[in-house]
């Protein structure tokens, strides 16, 4: 797999753990980053018609259509300034957001990643 895509928080602390996880586990050469503050909550709770969801969708479409990305990761992380929820809530939001992305792109594999307080990425 040449490209994968991460729907990630803009927080710079989570970029490398996510990239490393996807590259190691799935063999992606490159990981496109679509970042929004608290993206797990955004994709779980915001209506399709909001500008922020539309922006994420347009950027994801570019990665899927132009780079051929066939793996999309929805990411949440500990100590998120935009989504100060407990880990269980983040994981619920990640799973809900995964379902939304899978509905947009049924032919693409969608995974969820939680990055804990030690900056370890694990699938949820």
Protein backbone atom coordinates (compact mmCIF):
# COMPACT_ATOMS: atom_id res chain seq x y z
CA UNK A 1 0.00 0.00 0.00
CA UNK A 2 1.48 3.31 -1.03
CA UNK A 3 -0.93 5.73 0.71
CA UNK A 4 -3.12 5.66 3.80
CA UNK A 5 -4.99 8.57 5.36
CA UNK A 6 -5.31 9.65 8.98
CA UNK A 7 -8.18 11.84 10.13
CA UNK A 8 -6.25 13.23 13.04
CA UNK A 9 -6.30 16.01 15.58
CA UNK A 10 -4.13 18.98 14.72
CA UNK A 11 -2.12 18.39 17.93
CA UNK A 12 1.46 17.79 16.81
CA UNK A 13 2.09 15.27 19.58
CA UNK A 14 -0.08 12.64 17.90
CA UNK A 15 1.19 12.87 14.32
CA UNK A 16 4.28 10.67 14.59
CA UNK A 17 2.74 7.87 16.71
CA UNK A 18 -0.10 7.57 14.20
CA UNK A 19 2.17 7.61 11.16
CA UNK A 20 4.51 5.05 12.72
CA UNK A 21 1.63 2.74 13.65
CA UNK A 22 0.09 2.82 10.17
CA UNK A 23 3.43 2.39 8.40
CA UNK A 24 4.50 -0.50 10.64
CA UNK A 25 1.20 -2.40 10.78
CA UNK A 26 -0.11 -1.76 7.25
CA UNK A 27 3.04 -1.09 5.27
CA UNK A 28 1.91 2.28 3.95
CA UNK A 29 4.71 4.29 2.47
CA UNK A 30 2.95 7.63 3.04
CA UNK A 31 0.21 8.75 5.42
CA UNK A 32 -1.85 11.73 4.31
CA UNK A 33 -2.98 13.84 7.28
CA UNK A 34 -6.36 15.50 7.39
CA UNK A 35 -6.33 17.44 10.65
CA UNK A 36 -9.03 19.16 12.67
CA UNK A 37 -9.07 19.92 16.38
CA UNK A 38 -10.93 17.08 18.11
CA UNK A 39 -11.71 15.31 14.85
CA UNK A 40 -13.15 12.25 16.59
CA UNK A 41 -15.87 14.33 18.27
CA UNK A 42 -16.44 16.39 15.12
CA UNK A 43 -17.06 13.32 12.96
CA UNK A 44 -19.18 11.69 15.64
CA UNK A 45 -21.42 14.60 16.59
CA UNK A 46 -21.48 17.31 13.91
CA UNK A 47 -24.11 17.19 11.16
CA UNK A 48 -23.01 16.40 7.60
CA UNK A 49 -23.92 19.93 6.56
CA UNK A 50 -21.42 21.72 8.79
CA UNK A 51 -18.53 23.41 7.00
CA UNK A 52 -15.98 21.52 9.12
CA UNK A 53 -17.36 18.08 8.21
CA UNK A 54 -17.55 19.17 4.57
CA UNK A 55 -13.93 20.28 4.68
CA UNK A 56 -12.78 16.95 6.15
CA UNK A 57 -14.78 15.08 3.53
CA UNK A 58 -13.34 17.09 0.63
CA UNK A 59 -9.77 16.57 1.83
CA UNK A 60 -10.38 12.87 2.42
CA UNK A 61 -11.81 12.58 -1.09
CA UNK A 62 -8.62 14.08 -2.50
CA UNK A 63 -6.52 11.49 -0.67
CA UNK A 64 -8.73 8.58 -1.74
CA UNK A 65 -9.24 9.71 -5.34
CA UNK A 66 -5.85 11.21 -6.14
CA UNK A 67 -3.49 9.18 -3.96
CA UNK A 68 -5.44 5.93 -4.05
CA UNK A 69 -5.64 5.67 -0.26
CA UNK A 70 -7.41 2.44 0.73
CA UNK A 71 -6.98 2.76 4.49
CA UNK A 72 -8.43 5.55 6.62
CA UNK A 73 -7.72 5.92 10.32
CA UNK A 74 -9.94 7.97 12.62
CA UNK A 75 -7.82 9.17 15.53
CA UNK A 76 -8.55 10.41 19.04
CA UNK A 77 -6.03 11.17 21.76
CA UNK A 78 -5.52 11.84 25.43
CA UNK A 79 -5.20 15.45 26.61
CA UNK A 80 -7.03 16.88 23.59
CA UNK A 81 -7.61 20.62 24.02
CA UNK A 82 -10.61 20.59 21.67
CA UNK A 83 -12.19 17.41 23.05
CA UNK A 84 -11.50 17.12 26.76
CA UNK A 85 -13.35 13.82 27.16
CA UNK A 86 -12.41 10.69 29.07
CA UNK A 87 -10.85 7.78 27.11
CA UNK A 88 -14.10 5.77 27.01
CA UNK A 89 -15.94 8.70 25.41
CA UNK A 90 -13.15 9.21 22.87
CA UNK A 91 -13.27 5.53 21.92
CA UNK A 92 -17.05 5.67 21.50
CA UNK A 93 -16.62 8.78 19.30
CA UNK A 94 -13.89 7.10 17.24
CA UNK A 95 -16.13 4.09 16.60
CA UNK A 96 -19.06 6.28 15.62
CA UNK A 97 -16.87 8.35 13.30
CA UNK A 98 -15.52 5.14 11.73
CA UNK A 99 -19.09 4.18 10.80
CA UNK A 100 -19.64 7.57 9.15
CA UNK A 101 -16.44 7.29 7.10
CA UNK A 102 -17.22 3.69 6.13
CA UNK A 103 -20.60 4.87 4.81
CA UNK A 104 -18.85 7.50 2.68
CA UNK A 105 -16.26 5.02 1.35
CA UNK A 106 -17.51 1.41 1.49
CA UNK A 107 -14.51 0.14 -0.53
CA UNK A 108 -11.97 1.63 1.88
CA UNK A 109 -10.83 -0.01 5.11
CA UNK A 110 -11.55 2.24 8.10
CA UNK A 111 -9.79 1.76 11.42
CA UNK A 112 -9.82 3.64 14.72
CA UNK A 113 -6.72 4.66 16.64
CA UNK A 114 -6.50 5.86 20.23
CA UNK A 115 -3.29 7.62 21.30
CA UNK A 116 -2.86 7.39 25.05
CA UNK A 117 -1.12 9.74 27.50
CA UNK A 118 2.22 8.07 26.81
CA UNK A 119 1.77 8.72 23.06
CA UNK A 120 1.26 5.05 22.21
CA UNK A 121 -1.09 4.38 19.29
CA UNK A 122 -3.44 1.41 19.55
CA UNK A 123 -6.37 0.32 17.45
CA UNK A 124 -9.84 0.47 18.90
